[in-house]
Amino acid sequence: MESGMEEIPVKVAVRIRPLLSKEVLHNHQVCVRLVPNTQQIIIGKDRAFTFDFVFGKNSTQEEVYTVCIKPLLVSLTEGYNATVFAYGQTGSGKTYTIGGGHIASVAEDEKGIIPRAIQELFQHISENRNIDFHVKVSYIEVYKEELRDLLELETSVKELHIREDEKGNTGRISALKFGVLCFSCVPKLFLASPEKAYSLLTLEIFRI
């Protein structure tokens, strides 16, 4: 954040996806459009909404990552907390933008937020050998208001709980955490991710 700028802890980006083939086949019409040279969208005829970032149907994965996520990753390596989540109804494009599923087989230009962030994180670590980083990964499924640990397959059906830590901060989940040493280690952890579930990936980074 540049000096003199007001710090805003939460920012919202909207990405408009193109019509799917089946939607075109059934003559569905686009109901959301961008207002040129602004961060506004119009829904229907005249309902205008303003956001921090707006991406049209032709936006690329790289563009979304560079604008929205890259600055957060820099802050993350400096010791600040950062959270990114995709929100929207079924079929709105959350999985595509995040880059979920079997990310190891996704084409380079189609990679979403998760693989790009992980790759850049380890690149940053390799370029700063004067600092010792420890990276831990946890992977949680949130489905029908239940939590499952996707990295502990033998006991993945057990119920997980959100707990308070020793300082009274809410949010700690009793899930397995894997230490990872390189970028190539991480995609293997995602093969257990089931379809039609919301997944929570957590990266803990320690500077020593």
N, C-alpha and C. Protein backbone atom coordinates (compact mmCIF):
# COMPACT_ATOMS: atom_id res chain seq x y z
N MET A 1 0.85 -1.19 0.00
CA MET A 1 0.00 0.00 0.00
C MET A 1 0.89 1.24 0.00
N GLU A 2 0.70 2.14 -0.96
CA GLU A 2 1.53 3.33 -1.06
C GLU A 2 1.23 4.28 0.10
N SER A 3 2.24 5.07 0.45
CA SER A 3 2.09 6.03 1.53
C SER A 3 1.00 7.04 1.20
N GLY A 4 0.14 7.30 2.19
CA GLY A 4 -0.91 8.28 1.98
C GLY A 4 -2.21 7.68 1.49
N MET A 5 -2.18 6.42 1.05
CA MET A 5 -3.38 5.77 0.58
C MET A 5 -4.13 5.15 1.75
N GLU A 6 -5.44 5.20 1.70
CA GLU A 6 -6.24 4.60 2.75
C GLU A 6 -6.18 3.08 2.63
N GLU A 7 -5.92 2.42 3.73
CA GLU A 7 -5.82 0.97 3.73
C GLU A 7 -7.21 0.36 3.77
N ILE A 8 -7.53 -0.46 2.79
CA ILE A 8 -8.82 -1.14 2.73
C ILE A 8 -8.57 -2.63 2.88
N PRO A 9 -9.01 -3.23 4.00
CA PRO A 9 -8.67 -4.63 4.27
C PRO A 9 -9.36 -5.63 3.35
N VAL A 10 -10.52 -5.28 2.79
CA VAL A 10 -11.26 -6.21 1.93
C VAL A 10 -11.54 -5.55 0.59
N LYS A 11 -11.22 -6.24 -0.49
CA LYS A 11 -11.52 -5.75 -1.82
C LYS A 11 -12.29 -6.82 -2.59
N VAL A 12 -13.16 -6.37 -3.47
CA VAL A 12 -14.03 -7.29 -4.20
C VAL A 12 -13.80 -7.14 -5.70
N ALA A 13 -13.59 -8.28 -6.34
CA ALA A 13 -13.43 -8.30 -7.79
C ALA A 13 -14.57 -9.11 -8.40
N VAL A 14 -15.07 -8.67 -9.53
CA VAL A 14 -16.12 -9.39 -10.25
C VAL A 14 -15.58 -9.81 -11.61
N ARG A 15 -15.80 -11.08 -11.93
CA ARG A 15 -15.39 -11.59 -13.23
C ARG A 15 -16.61 -12.12 -13.96
N ILE A 16 -16.83 -11.65 -15.16
CA ILE A 16 -17.98 -12.07 -15.96
C ILE A 16 -17.52 -13.17 -16.92
N ARG A 17 -18.13 -14.30 -16.81
CA ARG A 17 -17.74 -15.39 -17.71
C ARG A 17 -18.56 -15.33 -19.00
N PRO A 18 -18.03 -15.89 -20.10
CA PRO A 18 -18.81 -15.93 -21.34
C PRO A 18 -19.92 -16.97 -21.23
N LEU A 19 -20.87 -16.90 -22.15
CA LEU A 19 -21.94 -17.89 -22.18
C LEU A 19 -21.37 -19.27 -22.51
N LEU A 20 -21.90 -20.30 -21.86
CA LEU A 20 -21.51 -21.66 -22.16
C LEU A 20 -22.17 -22.11 -23.46
N SER A 21 -21.64 -23.17 -24.04
CA SER A 21 -22.17 -23.66 -25.31
C SER A 21 -23.66 -24.01 -25.20
N LYS A 22 -24.04 -24.65 -24.10
CA LYS A 22 -25.44 -25.04 -23.92
C LYS A 22 -26.33 -23.81 -23.74
N GLU A 23 -25.76 -22.73 -23.18
CA GLU A 23 -26.54 -21.51 -23.01
C GLU A 23 -26.77 -20.82 -24.36
N VAL A 24 -25.75 -20.85 -25.20
CA VAL A 24 -25.88 -20.29 -26.55
C VAL A 24 -26.90 -21.10 -27.34
N LEU A 25 -26.84 -22.43 -27.17
CA LEU A 25 -27.75 -23.32 -27.87
C LEU A 25 -29.20 -23.04 -27.52
N HIS A 26 -29.45 -22.66 -26.27
CA HIS A 26 -30.81 -22.38 -25.82
C HIS A 26 -31.16 -20.89 -25.92
N ASN A 27 -30.34 -20.14 -26.67
CA ASN A 27 -30.60 -18.71 -26.93
C ASN A 27 -30.65 -17.87 -25.66
N HIS A 28 -29.85 -18.23 -24.67
CA HIS A 28 -29.76 -17.40 -23.48
C HIS A 28 -29.06 -16.09 -23.83
N GLN A 29 -29.42 -15.02 -23.14
CA GLN A 29 -28.86 -13.71 -23.42
C GLN A 29 -27.94 -13.25 -22.28
N VAL A 30 -26.92 -12.48 -22.62
CA VAL A 30 -26.03 -11.91 -21.61
C VAL A 30 -26.80 -10.86 -20.83
N CYS A 31 -26.76 -10.97 -19.50
CA CYS A 31 -27.52 -10.03 -18.66
C CYS A 31 -26.62 -9.09 -17.88
N VAL A 32 -25.29 -9.27 -18.01
CA VAL A 32 -24.34 -8.41 -17.29
C VAL A 32 -23.39 -7.80 -18.30
N ARG A 33 -23.18 -6.51 -18.20
CA ARG A 33 -22.24 -5.86 -19.12
C ARG A 33 -21.37 -4.85 -18.36
N LEU A 34 -20.20 -4.59 -18.91
CA LEU A 34 -19.27 -3.66 -18.30
C LEU A 34 -19.57 -2.24 -18.75
N VAL A 35 -19.26 -1.29 -17.87
CA VAL A 35 -19.29 0.12 -18.24
C VAL A 35 -17.86 0.49 -18.63
N PRO A 36 -17.61 0.86 -19.88
CA PRO A 36 -16.23 1.12 -20.34
C PRO A 36 -15.50 2.14 -19.47
N ASN A 37 -14.21 1.86 -19.23
CA ASN A 37 -13.32 2.75 -18.49
C ASN A 37 -13.75 3.00 -17.05
N THR A 38 -14.50 2.07 -16.48
CA THR A 38 -14.90 2.17 -15.07
C THR A 38 -14.78 0.79 -14.43
N GLN A 39 -15.04 0.74 -13.14
CA GLN A 39 -15.09 -0.53 -12.44
C GLN A 39 -16.54 -0.86 -12.10
N GLN A 40 -17.41 -0.58 -13.05
CA GLN A 40 -18.84 -0.80 -12.86
C GLN A 40 -19.37 -1.87 -13.80
N ILE A 41 -20.42 -2.54 -13.34
CA ILE A 41 -21.16 -3.45 -14.19
C ILE A 41 -22.63 -3.05 -14.12
N ILE A 42 -23.36 -3.38 -15.17
CA ILE A 42 -24.79 -3.13 -15.21
C ILE A 42 -25.51 -4.46 -15.39
N ILE A 43 -26.43 -4.74 -14.50
CA ILE A 43 -27.23 -5.96 -14.56
C ILE A 43 -28.62 -5.60 -15.06
N GLY A 44 -29.05 -6.34 -16.08
CA GLY A 44 -30.35 -6.02 -16.67
C GLY A 44 -30.27 -4.73 -17.47
N LYS A 45 -31.24 -3.87 -17.30
CA LYS A 45 -31.29 -2.63 -18.07
C LYS A 45 -30.53 -1.48 -17.43
N ASP A 46 -30.65 -1.35 -16.10
CA ASP A 46 -30.10 -0.14 -15.49
C ASP A 46 -29.59 -0.30 -14.06
N ARG A 47 -29.42 -1.50 -13.58
CA ARG A 47 -28.94 -1.69 -12.21
C ARG A 47 -27.41 -1.70 -12.21
N ALA A 48 -26.81 -0.62 -11.76
CA ALA A 48 -25.35 -0.45 -11.80
C ALA A 48 -24.73 -0.74 -10.44
N PHE A 49 -23.58 -1.42 -10.47
CA PHE A 49 -22.84 -1.75 -9.26
C PHE A 49 -21.36 -1.47 -9.49
N THR A 50 -20.70 -0.95 -8.46
CA THR A 50 -19.28 -0.61 -8.56
C THR A 50 -18.46 -1.52 -7.65
N PHE A 51 -17.32 -2.00 -8.16
CA PHE A 51 -16.45 -2.90 -7.41
C PHE A 51 -15.01 -2.39 -7.50
N ASP A 52 -14.12 -3.03 -6.76
CA ASP A 52 -12.72 -2.64 -6.80
C ASP A 52 -12.07 -3.04 -8.12
N PHE A 53 -12.45 -4.21 -8.63
CA PHE A 53 -11.92 -4.70 -9.91
C PHE A 53 -13.06 -5.34 -10.68
N VAL A 54 -13.06 -5.15 -11.99
CA VAL A 54 -14.05 -5.79 -12.84
C VAL A 54 -13.33 -6.39 -14.04
N PHE A 55 -13.65 -7.66 -14.33
CA PHE A 55 -13.03 -8.36 -15.45
C PHE A 55 -14.13 -8.85 -16.39
N GLY A 56 -13.96 -8.57 -17.67
CA GLY A 56 -14.95 -8.96 -18.66
C GLY A 56 -14.81 -10.41 -19.08
N LYS A 57 -15.66 -10.80 -20.02
CA LYS A 57 -15.70 -12.20 -20.45
C LYS A 57 -14.42 -12.64 -21.17
N ASN A 58 -13.65 -11.69 -21.66
CA ASN A 58 -12.41 -12.04 -22.37
C ASN A 58 -11.18 -11.94 -21.48
N SER A 59 -11.37 -11.74 -20.18
CA SER A 59 -10.23 -11.64 -19.27
C SER A 59 -9.49 -12.97 -19.19
N THR A 60 -8.20 -12.88 -18.96
CA THR A 60 -7.37 -14.08 -18.89
C THR A 60 -7.07 -14.44 -17.44
N GLN A 61 -6.64 -15.69 -17.24
CA GLN A 61 -6.26 -16.13 -15.91
C GLN A 61 -5.08 -15.31 -15.39
N GLU A 62 -4.15 -15.02 -16.27
CA GLU A 62 -2.97 -14.23 -15.87
C GLU A 62 -3.38 -12.83 -15.43
N GLU A 63 -4.31 -12.22 -16.15
CA GLU A 63 -4.76 -10.87 -15.81
C GLU A 63 -5.39 -10.83 -14.42
N VAL A 64 -6.27 -11.78 -14.14
CA VAL A 64 -6.93 -11.83 -12.84
C VAL A 64 -5.91 -12.04 -11.73
N TYR A 65 -4.96 -12.93 -11.95
CA TYR A 65 -3.95 -13.20 -10.94
C TYR A 65 -3.06 -11.99 -10.70
N THR A 66 -2.59 -11.37 -11.78
CA THR A 66 -1.65 -10.24 -11.65
C THR A 66 -2.28 -9.06 -10.92
N VAL A 67 -3.53 -8.77 -11.23
CA VAL A 67 -4.20 -7.61 -10.64
C VAL A 67 -4.63 -7.87 -9.21
N CYS A 68 -5.21 -9.02 -8.95
CA CYS A 68 -5.85 -9.27 -7.65
C CYS A 68 -4.99 -10.02 -6.64
N ILE A 69 -4.18 -10.96 -7.11
CA ILE A 69 -3.51 -11.88 -6.19
C ILE A 69 -2.04 -11.57 -5.98
N LYS A 70 -1.35 -11.18 -7.01
CA LYS A 70 0.09 -10.96 -6.92
C LYS A 70 0.48 -10.00 -5.78
N PRO A 71 -0.22 -8.86 -5.61
CA PRO A 71 0.15 -7.97 -4.49
C PRO A 71 -0.03 -8.63 -3.13
N LEU A 72 -1.02 -9.51 -3.00
CA LEU A 72 -1.24 -10.21 -1.74
C LEU A 72 -0.11 -11.19 -1.46
N LEU A 73 0.40 -11.83 -2.50
CA LEU A 73 1.47 -12.80 -2.31
C LEU A 73 2.74 -12.10 -1.81
N VAL A 74 3.00 -10.91 -2.32
CA VAL A 74 4.15 -10.15 -1.85
C VAL A 74 4.01 -9.85 -0.37
N SER A 75 2.82 -9.43 0.05
CA SER A 75 2.57 -9.14 1.47
C SER A 75 2.68 -10.41 2.31
N LEU A 76 2.25 -11.53 1.75
CA LEU A 76 2.30 -12.80 2.47
C LEU A 76 3.73 -13.18 2.82
N THR A 77 4.64 -12.99 1.89
CA THR A 77 6.03 -13.35 2.14
C THR A 77 6.70 -12.36 3.09
N GLU A 78 6.05 -11.23 3.33
CA GLU A 78 6.58 -10.25 4.28
C GLU A 78 6.01 -10.44 5.68
N GLY A 79 5.14 -11.46 5.83
CA GLY A 79 4.64 -11.79 7.15
C GLY A 79 3.21 -11.40 7.44
N TYR A 80 2.51 -10.88 6.43
CA TYR A 80 1.11 -10.48 6.63
C TYR A 80 0.18 -11.62 6.24
N ASN A 81 -0.99 -11.65 6.87
CA ASN A 81 -2.00 -12.63 6.52
C ASN A 81 -2.75 -12.18 5.27
N ALA A 82 -3.16 -13.13 4.44
CA ALA A 82 -3.93 -12.82 3.24
C ALA A 82 -4.92 -13.94 2.98
N THR A 83 -6.12 -13.58 2.58
CA THR A 83 -7.15 -14.57 2.28
C THR A 83 -7.81 -14.23 0.95
N VAL A 84 -8.01 -15.26 0.14
CA VAL A 84 -8.70 -15.10 -1.14
C VAL A 84 -9.76 -16.19 -1.23
N PHE A 85 -10.99 -15.81 -1.57
CA PHE A 85 -11.99 -16.84 -1.80
C PHE A 85 -12.88 -16.44 -2.98
N ALA A 86 -13.37 -17.47 -3.67
CA ALA A 86 -14.25 -17.26 -4.82
C ALA A 86 -15.68 -17.52 -4.38
N TYR A 87 -16.57 -16.61 -4.72
CA TYR A 87 -17.97 -16.72 -4.31
C TYR A 87 -18.87 -16.58 -5.52
N GLY A 88 -19.88 -17.42 -5.59
CA GLY A 88 -20.83 -17.34 -6.69
C GLY A 88 -21.67 -18.59 -6.76
N GLN A 89 -22.74 -18.53 -7.53
CA GLN A 89 -23.62 -19.69 -7.63
C GLN A 89 -22.96 -20.79 -8.44
N THR A 90 -23.55 -21.98 -8.41
CA THR A 90 -23.05 -23.11 -9.17
C THR A 90 -23.00 -22.78 -10.66
N GLY A 91 -21.84 -23.04 -11.27
CA GLY A 91 -21.68 -22.78 -12.69
C GLY A 91 -21.21 -21.40 -13.04
N SER A 92 -20.89 -20.59 -12.03
CA SER A 92 -20.48 -19.21 -12.31
C SER A 92 -19.00 -19.09 -12.66
N GLY A 93 -18.23 -20.15 -12.46
CA GLY A 93 -16.82 -20.12 -12.88
C GLY A 93 -15.82 -20.07 -11.75
N LYS A 94 -16.24 -20.39 -10.53
CA LYS A 94 -15.33 -20.33 -9.38
C LYS A 94 -14.16 -21.30 -9.54
N THR A 95 -14.47 -22.54 -9.88
CA THR A 95 -13.42 -23.57 -10.00
C THR A 95 -12.41 -23.20 -11.07
N TYR A 96 -12.88 -22.66 -12.18
CA TYR A 96 -11.97 -22.27 -13.26
C TYR A 96 -11.03 -21.16 -12.80
N THR A 97 -11.57 -20.14 -12.16
CA THR A 97 -10.75 -19.01 -11.73
C THR A 97 -9.74 -19.42 -10.67
N ILE A 98 -10.17 -20.21 -9.71
CA ILE A 98 -9.26 -20.67 -8.66
C ILE A 98 -8.23 -21.65 -9.21
N GLY A 99 -8.64 -22.47 -10.20
CA GLY A 99 -7.71 -23.44 -10.76
C GLY A 99 -7.76 -24.74 -10.03
N GLY A 100 -8.95 -25.14 -9.58
CA GLY A 100 -9.10 -26.37 -8.80
C GLY A 100 -9.08 -27.61 -9.67
N GLY A 101 -9.43 -28.74 -9.07
CA GLY A 101 -9.39 -30.01 -9.78
C GLY A 101 -7.98 -30.52 -9.88
N HIS A 102 -7.68 -31.24 -10.94
CA HIS A 102 -6.35 -31.81 -11.14
C HIS A 102 -5.44 -30.77 -11.78
N ILE A 103 -4.95 -29.84 -10.95
CA ILE A 103 -4.23 -28.69 -11.48
C ILE A 103 -2.92 -29.06 -12.14
N ALA A 104 -2.39 -30.26 -11.86
CA ALA A 104 -1.11 -30.65 -12.45
C ALA A 104 -1.23 -30.82 -13.97
N SER A 105 -2.44 -31.08 -14.48
CA SER A 105 -2.62 -31.34 -15.90
C SER A 105 -3.22 -30.16 -16.67
N VAL A 106 -3.39 -29.03 -16.00
CA VAL A 106 -3.99 -27.86 -16.64
C VAL A 106 -2.95 -27.15 -17.51
N ALA A 107 -3.38 -26.68 -18.70
CA ALA A 107 -2.47 -25.96 -19.59
C ALA A 107 -1.97 -24.69 -18.90
N GLU A 108 -0.79 -24.25 -19.28
CA GLU A 108 -0.13 -23.13 -18.59
C GLU A 108 -0.99 -21.87 -18.57
N ASP A 109 -1.57 -21.49 -19.70
CA ASP A 109 -2.35 -20.26 -19.74
C ASP A 109 -3.72 -20.40 -19.08
N GLU A 110 -4.12 -21.64 -18.78
CA GLU A 110 -5.41 -21.88 -18.13
C GLU A 110 -5.29 -22.03 -16.62
N LYS A 111 -4.09 -22.03 -16.11
CA LYS A 111 -3.89 -22.20 -14.67
C LYS A 111 -4.51 -21.05 -13.91
N GLY A 112 -5.17 -21.39 -12.81
CA GLY A 112 -5.85 -20.37 -12.03
C GLY A 112 -5.02 -19.85 -10.88
N ILE A 113 -5.70 -19.30 -9.90
CA ILE A 113 -5.04 -18.61 -8.79
C ILE A 113 -4.14 -19.54 -7.99
N ILE A 114 -4.63 -20.71 -7.62
CA ILE A 114 -3.87 -21.59 -6.72
C ILE A 114 -2.53 -22.00 -7.32
N PRO A 115 -2.48 -22.62 -8.50
CA PRO A 115 -1.17 -23.02 -9.03
C PRO A 115 -0.23 -21.85 -9.30
N ARG A 116 -0.78 -20.72 -9.73
CA ARG A 116 0.06 -19.56 -10.00
C ARG A 116 0.67 -19.01 -8.70
N ALA A 117 -0.15 -18.94 -7.65
CA ALA A 117 0.33 -18.42 -6.38
C ALA A 117 1.39 -19.33 -5.78
N ILE A 118 1.16 -20.63 -5.84
CA ILE A 118 2.12 -21.59 -5.28
C ILE A 118 3.44 -21.52 -6.04
N GLN A 119 3.35 -21.47 -7.37
CA GLN A 119 4.56 -21.40 -8.17
C GLN A 119 5.37 -20.14 -7.87
N GLU A 120 4.67 -19.01 -7.78
CA GLU A 120 5.38 -17.76 -7.52
C GLU A 120 5.93 -17.71 -6.10
N LEU A 121 5.21 -18.32 -5.17
CA LEU A 121 5.68 -18.37 -3.78
C LEU A 121 7.03 -19.07 -3.69
N PHE A 122 7.14 -20.24 -4.30
CA PHE A 122 8.40 -20.98 -4.23
C PHE A 122 9.49 -20.32 -5.06
N GLN A 123 9.11 -19.59 -6.10
CA GLN A 123 10.11 -18.83 -6.85
C GLN A 123 10.69 -17.73 -5.96
N HIS A 124 9.80 -17.06 -5.21
CA HIS A 124 10.26 -16.02 -4.29
C HIS A 124 11.18 -16.61 -3.23
N ILE A 125 10.84 -17.76 -2.72
CA ILE A 125 11.67 -18.41 -1.70
C ILE A 125 13.05 -18.74 -2.25
N SER A 126 13.08 -19.26 -3.48
CA SER A 126 14.36 -19.63 -4.08
C SER A 126 15.25 -18.42 -4.36
N GLU A 127 14.62 -17.26 -4.55
CA GLU A 127 15.39 -16.04 -4.84
C GLU A 127 15.83 -15.31 -3.57
N ASN A 128 15.36 -15.75 -2.42
CA ASN A 128 15.72 -15.12 -1.14
C ASN A 128 16.34 -16.16 -0.22
N ARG A 129 17.50 -16.63 -0.61
CA ARG A 129 18.16 -17.70 0.13
C ARG A 129 18.72 -17.23 1.47
N ASN A 130 18.76 -15.93 1.67
CA ASN A 130 19.23 -15.40 2.95
C ASN A 130 18.17 -15.49 4.04
N ILE A 131 16.94 -15.89 3.65
CA ILE A 131 15.84 -16.04 4.61
C ILE A 131 15.37 -17.48 4.59
N ASP A 132 15.18 -18.06 5.76
CA ASP A 132 14.65 -19.43 5.85
C ASP A 132 13.13 -19.39 5.92
N PHE A 133 12.49 -20.04 4.96
CA PHE A 133 11.03 -20.13 4.94
C PHE A 133 10.60 -21.56 5.23
N HIS A 134 9.57 -21.73 6.03
CA HIS A 134 8.92 -23.02 6.22
C HIS A 134 7.49 -22.89 5.73
N VAL A 135 7.08 -23.79 4.82
CA VAL A 135 5.75 -23.72 4.23
C VAL A 135 4.97 -24.97 4.61
N LYS A 136 3.76 -24.77 5.14
CA LYS A 136 2.87 -25.88 5.48
C LYS A 136 1.55 -25.71 4.73
N VAL A 137 0.99 -26.84 4.30
CA VAL A 137 -0.25 -26.82 3.53
C VAL A 137 -1.32 -27.65 4.23
N SER A 138 -2.52 -27.11 4.32
CA SER A 138 -3.69 -27.89 4.73
C SER A 138 -4.75 -27.74 3.65
N TYR A 139 -5.63 -28.74 3.53
CA TYR A 139 -6.61 -28.74 2.45
C TYR A 139 -7.93 -29.28 2.99
N ILE A 140 -8.93 -28.43 3.08
CA ILE A 140 -10.19 -28.75 3.72
C ILE A 140 -11.33 -28.70 2.71
N GLU A 141 -12.23 -29.67 2.77
CA GLU A 141 -13.45 -29.63 1.98
C GLU A 141 -14.59 -29.09 2.83
N VAL A 142 -15.30 -28.10 2.28
CA VAL A 142 -16.48 -27.56 2.94
C VAL A 142 -17.67 -27.94 2.07
N TYR A 143 -18.49 -28.87 2.55
CA TYR A 143 -19.57 -29.40 1.74
C TYR A 143 -20.78 -29.69 2.62
N LYS A 144 -21.90 -29.06 2.30
CA LYS A 144 -23.13 -29.23 3.07
C LYS A 144 -22.90 -28.93 4.54
N GLU A 145 -22.17 -27.85 4.80
CA GLU A 145 -21.89 -27.37 6.14
C GLU A 145 -21.07 -28.35 6.98
N GLU A 146 -20.38 -29.26 6.32
CA GLU A 146 -19.49 -30.18 7.00
C GLU A 146 -18.07 -29.98 6.50
N LEU A 147 -17.10 -30.23 7.36
CA LEU A 147 -15.69 -30.07 7.02
C LEU A 147 -15.02 -31.43 6.96
N ARG A 148 -14.17 -31.62 5.93
CA ARG A 148 -13.40 -32.86 5.83
C ARG A 148 -11.96 -32.52 5.49
N ASP A 149 -11.05 -33.29 6.06
CA ASP A 149 -9.63 -33.11 5.79
C ASP A 149 -9.26 -33.93 4.57
N LEU A 150 -8.91 -33.27 3.47
CA LEU A 150 -8.60 -33.97 2.23
C LEU A 150 -7.18 -34.50 2.16
N LEU A 151 -6.37 -34.17 3.13
CA LEU A 151 -4.99 -34.67 3.15
C LEU A 151 -4.83 -35.86 4.08
N GLU A 152 -5.86 -36.21 4.78
CA GLU A 152 -5.82 -37.35 5.68
C GLU A 152 -6.94 -38.31 5.26
N LEU A 153 -6.68 -39.02 4.16
CA LEU A 153 -7.73 -39.77 3.48
C LEU A 153 -8.32 -40.89 4.34
N GLU A 154 -7.50 -41.56 5.14
CA GLU A 154 -8.01 -42.68 5.91
C GLU A 154 -9.02 -42.24 6.95
N THR A 155 -8.94 -41.00 7.37
CA THR A 155 -9.87 -40.50 8.38
C THR A 155 -10.59 -39.26 7.89
N SER A 156 -10.75 -39.16 6.56
CA SER A 156 -11.31 -37.93 5.99
C SER A 156 -12.78 -37.74 6.33
N VAL A 157 -13.43 -38.80 6.81
CA VAL A 157 -14.85 -38.66 7.12
C VAL A 157 -15.06 -38.11 8.53
N LYS A 158 -13.99 -37.99 9.28
CA LYS A 158 -14.16 -37.49 10.64
C LYS A 158 -14.56 -36.03 10.62
N GLU A 159 -15.29 -35.63 11.62
CA GLU A 159 -15.77 -34.26 11.69
C GLU A 159 -14.67 -33.34 12.20
N LEU A 160 -14.47 -32.22 11.52
CA LEU A 160 -13.50 -31.23 11.94
C LEU A 160 -14.22 -30.07 12.61
N HIS A 161 -13.50 -29.39 13.47
CA HIS A 161 -14.12 -28.30 14.22
C HIS A 161 -13.30 -27.03 14.11
N ILE A 162 -14.00 -25.91 14.05
CA ILE A 162 -13.34 -24.61 14.13
C ILE A 162 -13.11 -24.32 15.61
N ARG A 163 -11.89 -23.99 15.97
CA ARG A 163 -11.54 -23.81 17.36
C ARG A 163 -10.91 -22.45 17.61
N GLU A 164 -10.78 -22.11 18.86
CA GLU A 164 -10.06 -20.90 19.26
C GLU A 164 -8.63 -21.28 19.60
N ASP A 165 -7.68 -20.39 19.25
CA ASP A 165 -6.30 -20.64 19.64
C ASP A 165 -6.05 -20.10 21.04
N GLU A 166 -4.80 -20.18 21.45
CA GLU A 166 -4.47 -19.79 22.82
C GLU A 166 -4.68 -18.30 23.09
N LYS A 167 -4.78 -17.49 22.02
CA LYS A 167 -5.00 -16.06 22.17
C LYS A 167 -6.49 -15.68 22.03
N GLY A 168 -7.34 -16.68 21.86
CA GLY A 168 -8.76 -16.40 21.72
C GLY A 168 -9.21 -16.08 20.32
N ASN A 169 -8.33 -16.28 19.33
CA ASN A 169 -8.69 -16.00 17.95
C ASN A 169 -9.44 -17.20 17.36
N THR A 170 -10.59 -16.95 16.78
CA THR A 170 -11.40 -18.01 16.21
C THR A 170 -10.96 -18.34 14.79
N GLY A 171 -10.98 -19.64 14.45
CA GLY A 171 -10.68 -20.00 13.08
C GLY A 171 -9.75 -21.18 12.92
N ARG A 172 -9.12 -21.61 13.98
CA ARG A 172 -8.20 -22.74 13.85
C ARG A 172 -8.98 -24.02 13.64
N ILE A 173 -8.63 -24.78 12.62
CA ILE A 173 -9.31 -26.04 12.31
C ILE A 173 -8.32 -27.18 12.57
N SER A 174 -8.78 -28.20 13.24
CA SER A 174 -7.90 -29.30 13.62
C SER A 174 -7.67 -30.24 12.44
N ALA A 175 -6.94 -29.77 11.45
CA ALA A 175 -6.68 -30.54 10.24
C ALA A 175 -5.20 -30.84 10.11
N LEU A 176 -4.92 -31.88 9.35
CA LEU A 176 -3.53 -32.26 9.10
C LEU A 176 -2.83 -31.21 8.26
N LYS A 177 -1.56 -30.94 8.56
CA LYS A 177 -0.78 -29.98 7.80
C LYS A 177 0.49 -30.65 7.29
N PHE A 178 0.74 -30.52 6.00
CA PHE A 178 1.92 -31.09 5.38
C PHE A 178 2.97 -30.01 5.15
N GLY A 179 4.20 -30.31 5.54
CA GLY A 179 5.30 -29.42 5.18
C GLY A 179 5.69 -29.70 3.74
N VAL A 180 5.87 -28.66 2.93
CA VAL A 180 6.24 -28.83 1.53
C VAL A 180 7.54 -28.09 1.26
N LEU A 181 8.36 -28.69 0.41
CA LEU A 181 9.69 -28.14 0.16
C LEU A 181 9.83 -27.49 -1.21
N CYS A 182 8.92 -27.82 -2.15
CA CYS A 182 9.07 -27.29 -3.50
C CYS A 182 7.71 -27.25 -4.19
N PHE A 183 7.66 -26.55 -5.32
CA PHE A 183 6.41 -26.38 -6.06
C PHE A 183 5.86 -27.72 -6.54
N SER A 184 6.73 -28.61 -7.00
CA SER A 184 6.26 -29.88 -7.56
C SER A 184 5.62 -30.78 -6.52
N CYS A 185 5.88 -30.52 -5.23
CA CYS A 185 5.28 -31.34 -4.18
C CYS A 185 3.81 -31.03 -3.98
N VAL A 186 3.40 -29.82 -4.29
CA VAL A 186 2.05 -29.37 -3.94
C VAL A 186 0.95 -29.94 -4.82
N PRO A 187 1.09 -29.97 -6.17
CA PRO A 187 -0.02 -30.49 -6.98
C PRO A 187 -0.45 -31.90 -6.60
N LYS A 188 0.46 -32.74 -6.11
CA LYS A 188 0.10 -34.10 -5.73
C LYS A 188 -0.92 -34.13 -4.60
N LEU A 189 -0.96 -33.08 -3.80
CA LEU A 189 -1.88 -33.05 -2.67
C LEU A 189 -3.32 -32.80 -3.11
N PHE A 190 -3.52 -32.34 -4.35
CA PHE A 190 -4.85 -31.96 -4.78
C PHE A 190 -5.60 -33.09 -5.48
N LEU A 191 -4.96 -34.22 -5.67
CA LEU A 191 -5.60 -35.31 -6.39
C LEU A 191 -6.76 -35.90 -5.61
N ALA A 192 -6.82 -35.63 -4.31
CA ALA A 192 -7.89 -36.18 -3.48
C ALA A 192 -9.13 -35.31 -3.48
N SER A 193 -9.07 -34.16 -4.12
CA SER A 193 -10.19 -33.22 -4.06
C SER A 193 -11.40 -33.75 -4.80
N PRO A 194 -12.54 -33.93 -4.14
CA PRO A 194 -13.75 -34.42 -4.81
C PRO A 194 -14.40 -33.31 -5.62
N GLU A 195 -15.22 -33.70 -6.58
CA GLU A 195 -15.93 -32.71 -7.37
C GLU A 195 -17.14 -32.18 -6.59
N LYS A 196 -17.63 -31.05 -7.03
CA LYS A 196 -18.82 -30.43 -6.45
C LYS A 196 -18.67 -30.17 -4.96
N ALA A 197 -17.49 -29.73 -4.56
CA ALA A 197 -17.28 -29.36 -3.16
C ALA A 197 -16.47 -28.08 -3.12
N TYR A 198 -16.66 -27.32 -2.08
CA TYR A 198 -15.87 -26.12 -1.89
C TYR A 198 -14.64 -26.49 -1.10
N SER A 199 -13.47 -26.13 -1.59
CA SER A 199 -12.23 -26.54 -0.95
C SER A 199 -11.47 -25.33 -0.41
N LEU A 200 -10.93 -25.50 0.77
CA LEU A 200 -10.19 -24.43 1.43
C LEU A 200 -8.73 -24.82 1.51
N LEU A 201 -7.89 -24.13 0.76
CA LEU A 201 -6.45 -24.37 0.79
C LEU A 201 -5.81 -23.34 1.69
N THR A 202 -4.99 -23.81 2.62
CA THR A 202 -4.30 -22.90 3.53
C THR A 202 -2.80 -23.10 3.40
N LEU A 203 -2.09 -22.00 3.19
CA LEU A 203 -0.63 -22.02 3.18
C LEU A 203 -0.13 -21.24 4.38
N GLU A 204 0.65 -21.88 5.22
CA GLU A 204 1.28 -21.19 6.34
C GLU A 204 2.75 -21.01 6.03
N ILE A 205 3.20 -19.76 6.09
CA ILE A 205 4.57 -19.44 5.74
C ILE A 205 5.25 -18.83 6.95
N PHE A 206 6.38 -19.41 7.32
CA PHE A 206 7.14 -18.91 8.47
C PHE A 206 8.50 -18.43 8.01
N ARG A 207 8.84 -17.22 8.39
CA ARG A 207 10.18 -16.68 8.12
C ARG A 207 11.00 -16.85 9.40
N ILE A 208 12.16 -17.46 9.23
CA ILE A 208 13.02 -17.73 10.40
C ILE A 208 14.34 -16.99 10.24
